[in-house]
């Protein structure tokens, strides 16, 4: 892990807290690097026995996190780092870090309340809050209290007030990491949308304008797969030749998801 990220400064305190208390809450803003840095730091620091299970709220995030950590180790996914999501599993007997989605974690605990073979559980992006994540934390905490006092628990959040979660975990230590601040400029459309214009056409017009007025890549947020596909079709032939449109949603094949996330080797990416 050669490139420094903001969360790196908090890792020694986190490892020390887990060594003392066996539980911790980590507050780190978006972009701090907690999703990929923390599991590998726990692995390299010998902070747990057996496997580490990390909860991610979405399939795309679970795949991407596992792929990035495996890449940092110079290994393919499924060796020391793997993932388990609905309909797809890439793990092996050598797997030490397993990234799972919410429903998978709940089923794991229900089928094996003691989580045999699991030495640590990380709840990532806990600020997003969901019934499955809350249930998973409650079940893991109950397992730690009744069956597995050695089970390490880490709750990681970007924006959630850590005090209530720390209190739930019997006054767990709270570790904070600073983030990086980037200047954000808000630009408004010069004219209101045309009457009757569909969302997809309005977004395509905004993307075309953004590509013309800026440099680098363009990240576009849309409600779902249908809107993403329709906007991509509307952008066909409207962008410069060196600008590629790369859809990204959970149902895409993994190779296409990786291609969308990977830095562009040449040209620009939308």
Protein backbone atom coordinates (compact mmCIF):
# COMPACT_ATOMS: atom_id res chain seq x y z
CA UNK A 1 0.00 0.00 0.00
CA UNK A 2 2.36 2.66 -1.26
CA UNK A 3 -0.01 5.54 -2.05
CA UNK A 4 -0.99 7.43 1.08
CA UNK A 5 -4.67 7.96 1.90
CA UNK A 6 -6.20 10.01 4.74
CA UNK A 7 -7.39 6.97 6.69
CA UNK A 8 -3.82 5.68 7.01
CA UNK A 9 -3.13 8.01 9.94
CA UNK A 10 -6.01 6.43 11.89
CA UNK A 11 -5.00 2.81 11.32
CA UNK A 12 -2.57 2.49 14.27
CA UNK A 13 -5.22 3.80 16.68
CA UNK A 14 -7.83 1.45 15.19
CA UNK A 15 -5.55 -1.58 15.53
CA UNK A 16 -4.73 -0.61 19.10
CA UNK A 17 -8.42 -0.19 19.98
CA UNK A 18 -9.27 -3.61 18.55
CA UNK A 19 -6.39 -5.15 20.46
CA UNK A 20 -7.65 -3.62 23.73
CA UNK A 21 -11.42 -3.66 23.34
CA UNK A 22 -12.22 -5.93 20.41
CA UNK A 23 -14.59 -3.36 18.91
CA UNK A 24 -14.41 0.14 17.45
CA UNK A 25 -16.30 2.74 15.46
CA UNK A 26 -14.37 4.46 12.66
CA UNK A 27 -15.52 7.83 11.34
CA UNK A 28 -13.92 8.71 8.02
CA UNK A 29 -15.36 10.96 5.29
CA UNK A 30 -15.89 9.78 1.71
CA UNK A 31 -12.64 9.29 -0.15
CA UNK A 32 -10.58 8.61 2.98
CA UNK A 33 -9.88 5.05 1.83
CA UNK A 34 -11.49 3.14 4.69
CA UNK A 35 -13.19 0.48 2.55
CA UNK A 36 -9.98 -0.93 1.10
CA UNK A 37 -7.35 0.16 3.64
CA UNK A 38 -8.94 -1.06 6.89
CA UNK A 39 -9.47 -4.76 6.01
CA UNK A 40 -5.94 -5.07 4.62
CA UNK A 41 -4.48 -3.30 7.65
CA UNK A 42 -6.28 -5.74 9.96
CA UNK A 43 -4.99 -8.66 7.88
CA UNK A 44 -1.40 -7.42 7.78
CA UNK A 45 -1.49 -6.48 11.47
CA UNK A 46 -2.67 -9.94 12.53
CA UNK A 47 -5.72 -8.41 14.20
CA UNK A 48 -7.95 -11.46 13.68
CA UNK A 49 -7.88 -15.22 13.31
CA UNK A 50 -9.62 -17.00 10.45
CA UNK A 51 -11.60 -14.82 8.06
CA UNK A 52 -12.68 -11.21 8.08
CA UNK A 53 -16.19 -10.56 6.74
CA UNK A 54 -16.97 -7.04 5.53
CA UNK A 55 -20.50 -5.90 4.85
CA UNK A 56 -21.20 -3.69 1.83
CA UNK A 57 -24.71 -2.37 1.14
CA UNK A 58 -24.65 -2.99 -2.64
CA UNK A 59 -23.42 -5.73 -4.96
CA UNK A 60 -21.48 -3.33 -7.15
CA UNK A 61 -19.63 -1.93 -4.15
CA UNK A 62 -18.87 -5.43 -2.83
CA UNK A 63 -17.38 -6.55 -6.13
CA UNK A 64 -15.40 -3.34 -6.60
CA UNK A 65 -13.99 -3.39 -3.05
CA UNK A 66 -12.88 -7.00 -3.36
CA UNK A 67 -11.33 -6.37 -6.77
CA UNK A 68 -9.41 -3.33 -5.56
CA UNK A 69 -8.04 -5.08 -2.46
CA UNK A 70 -7.01 -8.12 -4.51
CA UNK A 71 -5.29 -5.78 -6.96
CA UNK A 72 -3.42 -4.10 -4.10
CA UNK A 73 -2.18 -7.54 -3.03
CA UNK A 74 -1.21 -8.42 -6.59
CA UNK A 75 -3.61 -11.36 -6.66
CA UNK A 76 -6.77 -12.37 -8.53
CA UNK A 77 -10.10 -12.05 -6.76
CA UNK A 78 -10.88 -15.24 -4.87
CA UNK A 79 -7.46 -15.85 -3.38
CA UNK A 80 -6.85 -13.94 -0.13
CA UNK A 81 -9.67 -11.51 -0.94
CA UNK A 82 -13.01 -12.67 -2.29
CA UNK A 83 -16.67 -11.75 -2.31
CA UNK A 84 -20.05 -13.35 -1.81
CA UNK A 85 -23.16 -11.70 -3.23
CA UNK A 86 -26.56 -12.92 -4.36
CA UNK A 87 -26.02 -15.21 -7.34
CA UNK A 88 -22.21 -15.03 -7.38
CA UNK A 89 -19.39 -16.18 -5.11
CA UNK A 90 -15.62 -15.91 -5.55
CA UNK A 91 -13.85 -17.38 -2.53
CA UNK A 92 -11.40 -20.21 -1.92
CA UNK A 93 -9.86 -22.05 1.05
CA UNK A 94 -7.14 -19.37 1.01
CA UNK A 95 -9.60 -16.47 1.38
CA UNK A 96 -9.00 -14.32 4.46
CA UNK A 97 -11.16 -11.29 3.57
CA UNK A 98 -14.68 -11.88 2.31
CA UNK A 99 -16.79 -8.94 1.15
CA UNK A 100 -20.52 -9.69 1.35
CA UNK A 101 -23.81 -7.90 0.88
CA UNK A 102 -26.35 -7.35 3.63
CA UNK A 103 -28.64 -10.30 2.99
CA UNK A 104 -25.69 -12.68 2.77
CA UNK A 105 -24.35 -11.61 6.16
CA UNK A 106 -27.77 -12.02 7.80
CA UNK A 107 -28.10 -15.55 6.40
CA UNK A 108 -24.56 -16.43 7.53
CA UNK A 109 -25.35 -15.45 11.12
CA UNK A 110 -28.73 -17.17 11.09
CA UNK A 111 -27.23 -20.44 9.83
CA UNK A 112 -24.19 -20.22 12.13
CA UNK A 113 -24.86 -17.93 15.12
CA UNK A 114 -21.30 -18.39 16.42
CA UNK A 115 -19.74 -17.44 13.04
CA UNK A 116 -17.21 -20.22 13.36
CA UNK A 117 -14.05 -19.45 11.41
CA UNK A 118 -14.78 -15.72 11.31
CA UNK A 119 -12.47 -13.57 13.41
CA UNK A 120 -13.74 -10.10 12.54
CA UNK A 121 -16.78 -8.41 11.01
CA UNK A 122 -16.69 -4.93 9.47
CA UNK A 123 -19.87 -2.97 8.79
CA UNK A 124 -18.94 -0.53 6.05
CA UNK A 125 -21.02 2.50 4.99
CA UNK A 126 -23.17 2.06 8.09
CA UNK A 127 -24.50 5.60 7.70
CA UNK A 128 -26.67 4.36 4.84
CA UNK A 129 -28.75 2.45 7.41
CA UNK A 130 -30.99 -0.41 6.39
CA UNK A 131 -32.97 -3.09 8.18
CA UNK A 132 -30.52 -5.81 7.11
CA UNK A 133 -27.47 -3.85 8.25
CA UNK A 134 -29.03 -3.00 11.61
CA UNK A 135 -30.13 -6.62 12.05
CA UNK A 136 -26.69 -7.88 11.07
CA UNK A 137 -25.00 -5.65 13.65
CA UNK A 138 -27.48 -6.69 16.36
CA UNK A 139 -26.93 -10.38 15.62
CA UNK A 140 -23.15 -10.02 15.46
CA UNK A 141 -23.13 -8.10 18.75
CA UNK A 142 -25.32 -10.78 20.35
CA UNK A 143 -22.99 -13.51 19.03
CA UNK A 144 -20.00 -11.68 20.51
CA UNK A 145 -21.68 -11.36 23.90
CA UNK A 146 -23.06 -14.89 24.15
CA UNK A 147 -20.83 -17.11 22.03
CA UNK A 148 -17.77 -15.32 20.64
CA UNK A 149 -16.08 -12.86 22.99
CA UNK A 150 -13.06 -12.99 20.66
CA UNK A 151 -15.04 -11.72 17.65
CA UNK A 152 -13.76 -8.31 16.50
CA UNK A 153 -16.37 -5.78 15.37
CA UNK A 154 -15.76 -2.56 13.43
CA UNK A 155 -18.45 -0.13 12.34
CA UNK A 156 -17.31 2.33 9.66
CA UNK A 157 -19.25 5.41 8.61
CA UNK A 158 -18.76 8.56 6.58
CA UNK A 159 -21.46 10.79 8.04
CA UNK A 160 -23.25 8.97 10.85
CA UNK A 161 -23.04 10.38 14.39
CA UNK A 162 -20.80 7.77 15.99
CA UNK A 163 -21.96 8.29 19.59
CA UNK A 164 -25.19 6.20 19.45
CA UNK A 165 -23.46 3.30 17.68
CA UNK A 166 -20.53 3.44 20.11
CA UNK A 167 -22.99 3.41 23.00
CA UNK A 168 -24.78 0.38 21.54
CA UNK A 169 -21.43 -1.42 21.43
CA UNK A 170 -20.86 -0.84 25.14
CA UNK A 171 -18.91 2.42 24.82
CA UNK A 172 -16.77 1.28 21.93
CA UNK A 173 -13.73 3.45 21.13
CA UNK A 174 -14.38 6.00 18.38
CA UNK A 175 -11.55 6.58 15.91
CA UNK A 176 -11.70 9.54 13.54
CA UNK A 177 -9.84 10.08 10.28
CA UNK A 178 -9.65 13.34 8.39
CA UNK A 179 -10.56 13.58 4.73
CA UNK A 180 -9.46 15.62 1.77
CA UNK A 181 -11.30 18.78 0.82
CA UNK A 182 -11.90 19.52 -2.84
CA UNK A 183 -13.36 22.72 -4.19
CA UNK A 184 -16.86 22.25 -5.62
CA UNK A 185 -18.36 24.67 -8.11
CA UNK A 186 -22.12 24.71 -8.76
CA UNK A 187 -23.22 25.63 -12.26
CA UNK A 188 -26.86 26.24 -13.11
CA UNK A 189 -28.52 25.78 -16.49
CA UNK A 190 -28.86 29.09 -18.30
CA UNK A 191 -32.42 28.34 -19.37
CA UNK A 192 -35.20 26.18 -17.90
CA UNK A 193 -35.89 22.80 -19.54
CA UNK A 194 -38.14 22.75 -22.54
CA UNK A 195 -41.79 21.97 -21.72
CA UNK A 196 -42.38 18.25 -21.94
CA UNK A 197 -38.69 17.35 -22.14
CA UNK A 198 -37.98 13.94 -20.63
CA UNK A 199 -35.42 13.47 -17.88
CA UNK A 200 -33.11 11.47 -20.13
CA UNK A 201 -32.98 14.18 -22.80
CA UNK A 202 -32.36 16.91 -20.23
CA UNK A 203 -29.52 14.88 -18.70
CA UNK A 204 -28.01 14.17 -22.12
CA UNK A 205 -28.03 17.90 -22.90
CA UNK A 206 -26.38 18.67 -19.55
CA UNK A 207 -23.70 16.02 -20.11
CA UNK A 208 -22.98 17.32 -23.61
CA UNK A 209 -22.55 20.82 -22.20
CA UNK A 210 -20.35 19.58 -19.33
CA UNK A 211 -18.04 17.73 -21.73
CA UNK A 212 -17.73 20.84 -23.90
CA UNK A 213 -17.05 23.22 -21.00
CA UNK A 214 -14.73 21.12 -18.82
CA UNK A 215 -11.76 18.77 -18.97
CA UNK A 216 -11.38 15.25 -17.67
CA UNK A 217 -14.10 12.71 -16.90
CA UNK A 218 -17.77 13.32 -16.16
CA UNK A 219 -19.67 11.41 -13.45
CA UNK A 220 -23.44 11.30 -13.95
CA UNK A 221 -25.87 10.10 -11.25
CA UNK A 222 -29.22 8.67 -12.38
CA UNK A 223 -32.06 6.84 -10.56
CA UNK A 224 -31.58 3.40 -12.08
CA UNK A 225 -30.51 1.08 -14.89
CA UNK A 226 -33.29 2.15 -17.26
CA UNK A 227 -32.41 5.84 -17.07
CA UNK A 228 -28.70 5.07 -17.44
CA UNK A 229 -29.25 3.04 -20.60
CA UNK A 230 -31.58 5.62 -22.15
CA UNK A 231 -29.21 8.52 -21.47
CA UNK A 232 -26.32 6.50 -22.93
CA UNK A 233 -28.31 5.96 -26.12
CA UNK A 234 -29.12 9.67 -26.37
CA UNK A 235 -25.42 10.53 -26.04
CA UNK A 236 -24.47 8.32 -28.97
CA UNK A 237 -22.90 10.54 -31.63
CA UNK A 238 -23.17 13.73 -29.54
CA UNK A 239 -19.78 13.60 -27.80
CA UNK A 240 -16.21 14.04 -29.09
CA UNK A 241 -14.54 10.97 -30.57
CA UNK A 242 -12.16 10.64 -27.60
CA UNK A 243 -15.03 10.57 -25.07
CA UNK A 244 -16.41 7.14 -24.11
CA UNK A 245 -19.75 6.55 -22.40
CA UNK A 246 -19.38 3.80 -19.76
CA UNK A 247 -22.62 2.71 -18.02
CA UNK A 248 -22.29 1.44 -14.46
CA UNK A 249 -25.02 -0.45 -12.57
CA UNK A 250 -25.32 -3.62 -10.54
CA UNK A 251 -26.67 -5.90 -13.28
CA UNK A 252 -23.70 -5.30 -15.59
CA UNK A 253 -21.17 -8.12 -16.03
CA UNK A 254 -18.28 -7.71 -13.63
CA UNK A 255 -15.76 -7.02 -16.41
CA UNK A 256 -17.82 -4.07 -17.63
CA UNK A 257 -18.15 -2.71 -14.09
CA UNK A 258 -14.38 -2.86 -13.66
CA UNK A 259 -13.86 -1.13 -17.01
CA UNK A 260 -16.21 1.68 -15.96
CA UNK A 261 -14.38 2.22 -12.65
CA UNK A 262 -10.82 1.89 -13.94
CA UNK A 263 -8.99 5.13 -14.84
CA UNK A 264 -9.13 5.98 -18.53
CA UNK A 265 -5.83 5.20 -20.23
CA UNK A 266 -6.54 7.71 -22.96
CA UNK A 267 -9.27 10.16 -23.83
CA UNK A 268 -12.19 10.97 -21.52
CA UNK A 269 -14.85 8.91 -19.82
CA UNK A 270 -18.51 9.61 -19.01
